[in-house]
């Protein structure tokens, strides 16, 4: 389903809720994009966000379109429902997984699924000003 192009590109994957798009998200995407040739973004499903974070985000389709309209990712997809949120990484087979500075998933969580994948924790961008929780 997520087949690679003929030439070997360094595939970077990042994921998040991306609720209330703000400059911190843009910086996150730019940092992730700089780690490889191809950036795939996974937007968390509404149901998963509500279950894991206990809050209702902006609609998933709206958040997905917002990510696409930044022009930074090469592909934006919605995450899986009713599965371990990390399981989608197996299908995407990234070379690099970019994690946000405040994401709960650990490097060890990723390495357990993809032992040969590089995991990079990205830097915050003015977290005292730009966090989705400030916009709710």
N, C-alpha and C. Protein backbone atom coordinates (compact mmCIF):
# COMPACT_ATOMS: atom_id res chain seq x y z
N UNK A 1 0.82 -1.20 0.00
CA UNK A 1 0.00 0.00 0.00
C UNK A 1 0.86 1.25 0.00
N UNK A 2 1.94 1.26 0.78
CA UNK A 2 2.81 2.42 0.86
C UNK A 2 4.16 2.08 0.24
N UNK A 3 4.15 1.65 -1.01
CA UNK A 3 5.36 1.19 -1.68
C UNK A 3 6.31 2.36 -1.94
N UNK A 4 7.57 2.03 -1.88
CA UNK A 4 8.61 3.02 -2.16
C UNK A 4 8.72 3.25 -3.66
N UNK A 5 9.21 4.43 -4.01
CA UNK A 5 9.50 4.72 -5.41
C UNK A 5 10.71 3.89 -5.81
N UNK A 6 11.00 3.78 -7.10
CA UNK A 6 12.07 2.93 -7.60
C UNK A 6 13.42 3.26 -6.96
N UNK A 7 13.81 4.55 -6.95
CA UNK A 7 15.08 4.88 -6.33
C UNK A 7 14.92 4.87 -4.82
N UNK A 8 15.99 4.54 -4.14
CA UNK A 8 15.95 4.46 -2.67
C UNK A 8 16.01 5.86 -2.08
N UNK A 9 14.90 6.27 -1.51
CA UNK A 9 14.84 7.55 -0.82
C UNK A 9 14.91 7.30 0.68
N UNK A 10 15.49 8.23 1.38
CA UNK A 10 15.52 8.15 2.84
C UNK A 10 14.17 8.64 3.34
N UNK A 11 13.38 7.69 3.85
CA UNK A 11 12.00 7.97 4.27
C UNK A 11 11.95 8.34 5.75
N UNK A 12 11.34 9.50 6.01
CA UNK A 12 11.14 9.97 7.37
C UNK A 12 9.65 9.94 7.66
N UNK A 13 9.30 9.44 8.84
CA UNK A 13 7.90 9.40 9.25
C UNK A 13 7.78 10.13 10.59
N UNK A 14 6.74 10.94 10.68
CA UNK A 14 6.40 11.54 11.96
C UNK A 14 4.89 11.45 12.13
N UNK A 15 4.44 11.60 13.35
CA UNK A 15 3.02 11.45 13.63
C UNK A 15 2.62 12.43 14.74
N UNK A 16 1.33 12.73 14.76
CA UNK A 16 0.83 13.58 15.82
C UNK A 16 -0.64 13.88 15.63
N UNK A 17 -1.16 14.61 16.58
CA UNK A 17 -2.55 15.05 16.50
C UNK A 17 -2.65 16.25 15.57
N UNK A 18 -1.71 17.17 15.68
CA UNK A 18 -1.66 18.38 14.86
C UNK A 18 -2.95 19.19 14.98
N UNK A 19 -3.40 19.31 16.21
CA UNK A 19 -4.62 20.05 16.51
C UNK A 19 -4.30 21.55 16.57
N UNK A 20 -5.16 22.36 16.02
CA UNK A 20 -4.98 23.82 16.01
C UNK A 20 -3.61 24.17 15.45
N UNK A 21 -3.42 23.94 14.17
CA UNK A 21 -2.14 24.16 13.49
C UNK A 21 -1.52 25.50 13.89
N UNK A 22 -0.23 25.45 14.28
CA UNK A 22 0.46 26.65 14.73
C UNK A 22 1.94 26.58 14.31
N UNK A 23 2.71 27.66 14.52
CA UNK A 23 4.12 27.68 14.08
C UNK A 23 4.97 26.55 14.66
N UNK A 24 4.64 26.05 15.83
CA UNK A 24 5.38 24.92 16.38
C UNK A 24 5.24 23.68 15.51
N UNK A 25 4.04 23.47 14.96
CA UNK A 25 3.83 22.33 14.05
C UNK A 25 4.65 22.51 12.77
N UNK A 26 4.66 23.73 12.24
CA UNK A 26 5.41 23.99 11.00
C UNK A 26 6.90 23.72 11.22
N UNK A 27 7.43 24.19 12.34
CA UNK A 27 8.83 23.95 12.65
C UNK A 27 9.10 22.45 12.80
N UNK A 28 8.20 21.74 13.47
CA UNK A 28 8.30 20.29 13.64
C UNK A 28 8.41 19.61 12.27
N UNK A 29 7.52 19.98 11.34
CA UNK A 29 7.53 19.39 10.00
C UNK A 29 8.82 19.71 9.26
N UNK A 30 9.29 20.93 9.37
CA UNK A 30 10.53 21.31 8.69
C UNK A 30 11.73 20.55 9.24
N UNK A 31 11.78 20.41 10.58
CA UNK A 31 12.87 19.63 11.18
C UNK A 31 12.83 18.18 10.69
N UNK A 32 11.64 17.60 10.65
CA UNK A 32 11.49 16.22 10.20
C UNK A 32 11.88 16.07 8.74
N UNK A 33 11.44 16.98 7.91
CA UNK A 33 11.73 16.94 6.47
C UNK A 33 13.24 16.99 6.21
N UNK A 34 13.96 17.75 7.02
CA UNK A 34 15.41 17.90 6.85
C UNK A 34 16.19 16.61 7.15
N UNK A 35 15.53 15.63 7.74
CA UNK A 35 16.20 14.38 8.10
C UNK A 35 16.27 13.36 6.96
N UNK A 36 15.61 13.65 5.83
CA UNK A 36 15.61 12.69 4.73
C UNK A 36 15.12 13.28 3.44
N UNK A 37 14.73 12.39 2.53
CA UNK A 37 14.29 12.79 1.19
C UNK A 37 12.77 12.84 1.06
N UNK A 38 12.09 12.05 1.85
CA UNK A 38 10.64 11.87 1.73
C UNK A 38 10.04 11.91 3.13
N UNK A 39 9.05 12.79 3.33
CA UNK A 39 8.40 12.92 4.63
C UNK A 39 6.96 12.44 4.55
N UNK A 40 6.65 11.44 5.38
CA UNK A 40 5.29 10.94 5.52
C UNK A 40 4.79 11.34 6.91
N UNK A 41 3.60 11.92 6.94
CA UNK A 41 3.02 12.38 8.20
C UNK A 41 1.77 11.56 8.50
N UNK A 42 1.70 11.05 9.71
CA UNK A 42 0.52 10.32 10.18
C UNK A 42 -0.27 11.24 11.10
N UNK A 43 -1.51 11.49 10.75
CA UNK A 43 -2.40 12.30 11.58
C UNK A 43 -3.24 11.35 12.43
N UNK A 44 -3.21 11.57 13.72
CA UNK A 44 -3.94 10.71 14.65
C UNK A 44 -5.44 10.79 14.41
N UNK A 45 -6.09 9.65 14.50
CA UNK A 45 -7.54 9.57 14.32
C UNK A 45 -8.24 10.17 15.54
N UNK A 46 -9.39 10.78 15.29
CA UNK A 46 -10.17 11.41 16.37
C UNK A 46 -10.40 10.45 17.52
N UNK A 47 -10.83 9.25 17.19
CA UNK A 47 -11.16 8.24 18.20
C UNK A 47 -9.94 7.92 19.08
N UNK A 48 -8.77 7.82 18.46
CA UNK A 48 -7.56 7.51 19.22
C UNK A 48 -7.14 8.68 20.11
N UNK A 49 -7.28 9.90 19.61
CA UNK A 49 -6.94 11.08 20.40
C UNK A 49 -7.84 11.15 21.64
N UNK A 50 -9.13 10.92 21.42
CA UNK A 50 -10.07 10.97 22.54
C UNK A 50 -9.75 9.89 23.57
N UNK A 51 -9.40 8.70 23.09
CA UNK A 51 -9.10 7.59 24.00
C UNK A 51 -7.79 7.82 24.74
N UNK A 52 -6.75 8.27 24.04
CA UNK A 52 -5.42 8.40 24.64
C UNK A 52 -5.21 9.70 25.41
N UNK A 53 -5.80 10.79 24.92
CA UNK A 53 -5.58 12.09 25.56
C UNK A 53 -6.78 12.60 26.34
N UNK A 54 -7.94 11.96 26.11
CA UNK A 54 -9.13 12.40 26.82
C UNK A 54 -9.68 13.73 26.36
N UNK A 55 -9.40 14.09 25.11
CA UNK A 55 -9.93 15.35 24.58
C UNK A 55 -10.41 15.15 23.15
N UNK A 56 -11.32 16.02 22.75
CA UNK A 56 -11.87 15.96 21.40
C UNK A 56 -11.12 16.99 20.54
N UNK A 57 -10.36 16.52 19.55
CA UNK A 57 -9.61 17.44 18.68
C UNK A 57 -10.49 17.98 17.56
N UNK A 58 -9.90 18.89 16.79
CA UNK A 58 -10.55 19.30 15.55
C UNK A 58 -10.71 18.02 14.72
N UNK A 59 -11.67 18.01 13.79
CA UNK A 59 -11.94 16.79 13.02
C UNK A 59 -10.68 16.32 12.28
N UNK A 60 -10.49 15.02 12.24
CA UNK A 60 -9.29 14.43 11.63
C UNK A 60 -9.10 14.82 10.17
N UNK A 61 -10.18 14.92 9.40
CA UNK A 61 -10.04 15.31 7.99
C UNK A 61 -9.54 16.75 7.87
N UNK A 62 -9.99 17.61 8.76
CA UNK A 62 -9.55 19.00 8.78
C UNK A 62 -8.06 19.07 9.12
N UNK A 63 -7.66 18.30 10.13
CA UNK A 63 -6.25 18.29 10.53
C UNK A 63 -5.37 17.72 9.42
N UNK A 64 -5.86 16.72 8.72
CA UNK A 64 -5.11 16.12 7.60
C UNK A 64 -4.92 17.14 6.47
N UNK A 65 -5.99 17.83 6.10
CA UNK A 65 -5.91 18.84 5.05
C UNK A 65 -4.95 19.96 5.46
N UNK A 66 -4.99 20.37 6.72
CA UNK A 66 -4.07 21.40 7.19
C UNK A 66 -2.62 20.97 6.99
N UNK A 67 -2.32 19.72 7.28
CA UNK A 67 -0.95 19.21 7.10
C UNK A 67 -0.58 19.24 5.62
N UNK A 68 -1.49 18.77 4.77
CA UNK A 68 -1.22 18.76 3.32
C UNK A 68 -0.99 20.17 2.79
N UNK A 69 -1.78 21.10 3.27
CA UNK A 69 -1.69 22.48 2.76
C UNK A 69 -0.42 23.21 3.18
N UNK A 70 0.32 22.66 4.14
CA UNK A 70 1.61 23.29 4.47
C UNK A 70 2.60 23.11 3.33
N UNK A 71 2.38 22.08 2.51
CA UNK A 71 3.29 21.80 1.40
C UNK A 71 4.60 21.16 1.83
N UNK A 72 4.73 20.81 3.09
CA UNK A 72 5.99 20.25 3.58
C UNK A 72 6.03 18.73 3.43
N UNK A 73 5.02 17.99 3.88
CA UNK A 73 5.08 16.52 3.73
C UNK A 73 4.88 16.09 2.28
N UNK A 74 5.45 14.94 1.96
CA UNK A 74 5.22 14.33 0.64
C UNK A 74 3.93 13.54 0.64
N UNK A 75 3.53 13.04 1.80
CA UNK A 75 2.29 12.28 1.92
C UNK A 75 1.77 12.45 3.33
N UNK A 76 0.45 12.65 3.45
CA UNK A 76 -0.20 12.73 4.76
C UNK A 76 -1.29 11.67 4.78
N UNK A 77 -1.29 10.85 5.83
CA UNK A 77 -2.28 9.79 5.96
C UNK A 77 -2.89 9.85 7.36
N UNK A 78 -4.05 9.25 7.48
CA UNK A 78 -4.67 9.09 8.80
C UNK A 78 -4.15 7.80 9.43
N UNK A 79 -3.97 7.82 10.73
CA UNK A 79 -3.51 6.64 11.44
C UNK A 79 -4.55 5.55 11.44
N UNK A 80 -4.19 4.42 12.02
CA UNK A 80 -5.10 3.28 12.12
C UNK A 80 -6.07 3.45 13.28
N UNK A 81 -7.19 2.80 13.16
CA UNK A 81 -8.14 2.68 14.26
C UNK A 81 -8.00 1.29 14.88
N UNK A 82 -8.27 1.18 16.14
CA UNK A 82 -8.31 -0.11 16.84
C UNK A 82 -7.04 -0.93 16.73
N UNK A 83 -5.90 -0.28 16.61
CA UNK A 83 -4.62 -0.98 16.58
C UNK A 83 -3.64 -0.20 17.43
N UNK A 84 -2.56 -0.84 17.77
CA UNK A 84 -1.47 -0.16 18.45
C UNK A 84 -1.01 0.98 17.55
N UNK A 85 -0.93 2.21 18.06
CA UNK A 85 -0.55 3.35 17.21
C UNK A 85 0.80 3.19 16.52
N UNK A 86 1.68 2.36 17.06
CA UNK A 86 3.00 2.18 16.45
C UNK A 86 2.97 1.18 15.30
N UNK A 87 1.93 0.36 15.21
CA UNK A 87 1.88 -0.71 14.19
C UNK A 87 1.94 -0.19 12.76
N UNK A 88 1.47 1.00 12.50
CA UNK A 88 1.50 1.56 11.13
C UNK A 88 2.94 1.75 10.65
N UNK A 89 3.86 1.90 11.58
CA UNK A 89 5.25 2.10 11.19
C UNK A 89 5.81 0.89 10.44
N UNK A 90 5.37 -0.31 10.81
CA UNK A 90 5.83 -1.51 10.11
C UNK A 90 5.52 -1.42 8.62
N UNK A 91 4.31 -0.97 8.28
CA UNK A 91 3.93 -0.86 6.88
C UNK A 91 4.68 0.25 6.16
N UNK A 92 4.91 1.35 6.83
CA UNK A 92 5.58 2.49 6.20
C UNK A 92 7.07 2.28 6.04
N UNK A 93 7.64 1.39 6.84
CA UNK A 93 9.07 1.05 6.86
C UNK A 93 9.98 2.28 6.67
N UNK A 94 9.96 3.17 7.64
CA UNK A 94 10.80 4.37 7.53
C UNK A 94 12.26 4.08 7.83
N UNK A 95 13.11 4.96 7.34
CA UNK A 95 14.52 4.94 7.69
C UNK A 95 14.73 5.73 8.98
N UNK A 96 13.86 6.75 9.17
CA UNK A 96 13.95 7.63 10.32
C UNK A 96 12.54 7.88 10.86
N UNK A 97 12.38 7.85 12.16
CA UNK A 97 11.14 8.29 12.81
C UNK A 97 11.49 9.54 13.60
N UNK A 98 10.76 10.61 13.32
CA UNK A 98 10.96 11.88 14.02
C UNK A 98 9.90 12.02 15.10
N UNK A 99 10.33 12.22 16.33
CA UNK A 99 9.42 12.37 17.46
C UNK A 99 9.43 13.81 17.95
N UNK A 100 8.28 14.31 18.32
CA UNK A 100 8.21 15.63 18.92
C UNK A 100 8.79 15.62 20.31
N UNK A 101 9.25 16.77 20.77
CA UNK A 101 9.89 16.86 22.08
C UNK A 101 8.96 16.42 23.21
N UNK A 102 7.64 16.54 22.99
CA UNK A 102 6.69 16.24 24.06
C UNK A 102 5.84 15.00 23.79
N UNK A 103 6.20 14.22 22.78
CA UNK A 103 5.43 13.02 22.49
C UNK A 103 5.75 11.93 23.50
N UNK A 104 4.71 11.20 23.88
CA UNK A 104 4.83 10.19 24.94
C UNK A 104 5.59 8.94 24.50
N UNK A 105 5.55 8.62 23.24
CA UNK A 105 6.23 7.43 22.74
C UNK A 105 7.74 7.60 22.94
N UNK A 106 8.41 6.50 23.26
CA UNK A 106 9.85 6.56 23.51
C UNK A 106 10.63 5.99 22.33
N UNK A 107 11.89 6.29 22.32
CA UNK A 107 12.77 5.74 21.31
C UNK A 107 12.76 4.21 21.39
N UNK A 108 12.73 3.68 22.60
CA UNK A 108 12.70 2.23 22.78
C UNK A 108 11.42 1.61 22.22
N UNK A 109 10.29 2.32 22.33
CA UNK A 109 9.03 1.83 21.75
C UNK A 109 9.18 1.63 20.24
N UNK A 110 9.81 2.58 19.59
CA UNK A 110 10.01 2.50 18.13
C UNK A 110 11.00 1.39 17.80
N UNK A 111 12.10 1.35 18.52
CA UNK A 111 13.14 0.34 18.26
C UNK A 111 12.62 -1.08 18.45
N UNK A 112 11.65 -1.26 19.32
CA UNK A 112 11.07 -2.58 19.53
C UNK A 112 10.35 -3.08 18.28
N UNK A 113 9.81 -2.16 17.50
CA UNK A 113 9.09 -2.51 16.28
C UNK A 113 10.01 -2.46 15.06
N UNK A 114 10.90 -1.48 15.04
CA UNK A 114 11.81 -1.27 13.90
C UNK A 114 13.25 -1.11 14.42
N UNK A 115 13.92 -2.22 14.69
CA UNK A 115 15.25 -2.13 15.31
C UNK A 115 16.30 -1.43 14.45
N UNK A 116 16.15 -1.40 13.15
CA UNK A 116 17.15 -0.78 12.27
C UNK A 116 16.82 0.67 11.93
N UNK A 117 15.75 1.18 12.47
CA UNK A 117 15.30 2.54 12.17
C UNK A 117 15.98 3.54 13.10
N UNK A 118 16.39 4.66 12.55
CA UNK A 118 16.94 5.74 13.36
C UNK A 118 15.78 6.52 13.97
N UNK A 119 15.87 6.88 15.23
CA UNK A 119 14.84 7.64 15.92
C UNK A 119 15.45 8.96 16.38
N UNK A 120 14.80 10.06 16.00
CA UNK A 120 15.30 11.39 16.34
C UNK A 120 14.22 12.14 17.11
N UNK A 121 14.59 12.65 18.27
CA UNK A 121 13.68 13.49 19.07
C UNK A 121 13.96 14.93 18.62
N UNK A 122 12.93 15.60 18.07
CA UNK A 122 13.09 16.95 17.53
C UNK A 122 13.06 18.01 18.64
N UNK A 123 13.61 19.16 18.32
CA UNK A 123 13.69 20.26 19.26
C UNK A 123 12.37 21.02 19.35
N UNK A 124 12.06 21.56 20.51
CA UNK A 124 10.85 22.38 20.64
C UNK A 124 11.03 23.74 19.95
N UNK A 125 9.92 24.34 19.58
CA UNK A 125 9.92 25.66 18.97
C UNK A 125 9.07 26.57 19.86
N UNK A 126 9.71 27.34 20.70
CA UNK A 126 9.03 28.24 21.62
C UNK A 126 7.82 27.57 22.29
N UNK A 127 8.06 26.50 23.04
CA UNK A 127 6.95 25.76 23.64
C UNK A 127 6.13 26.58 24.65
N UNK A 128 6.71 27.65 25.15
CA UNK A 128 5.96 28.52 26.05
C UNK A 128 4.92 29.35 25.30
N UNK A 129 5.03 29.39 23.98
CA UNK A 129 4.09 30.16 23.15
C UNK A 129 3.22 29.28 22.26
N UNK A 130 3.81 28.20 21.73
CA UNK A 130 3.14 27.41 20.71
C UNK A 130 2.92 25.97 21.15
N UNK A 131 1.77 25.71 21.70
CA UNK A 131 1.31 24.36 22.04
C UNK A 131 -0.18 24.34 21.73
N UNK A 132 -0.63 23.24 21.19
CA UNK A 132 -2.06 23.13 20.84
C UNK A 132 -2.96 23.37 22.04
N UNK A 133 -2.51 22.96 23.21
CA UNK A 133 -3.35 23.13 24.42
C UNK A 133 -3.61 24.61 24.70
N UNK A 134 -2.73 25.50 24.27
CA UNK A 134 -2.95 26.93 24.47
C UNK A 134 -4.09 27.45 23.59
N UNK A 135 -4.38 26.75 22.50
CA UNK A 135 -5.39 27.20 21.54
C UNK A 135 -6.77 26.61 21.80
N UNK A 136 -6.86 25.66 22.72
CA UNK A 136 -8.15 25.03 23.01
C UNK A 136 -9.02 25.92 23.87
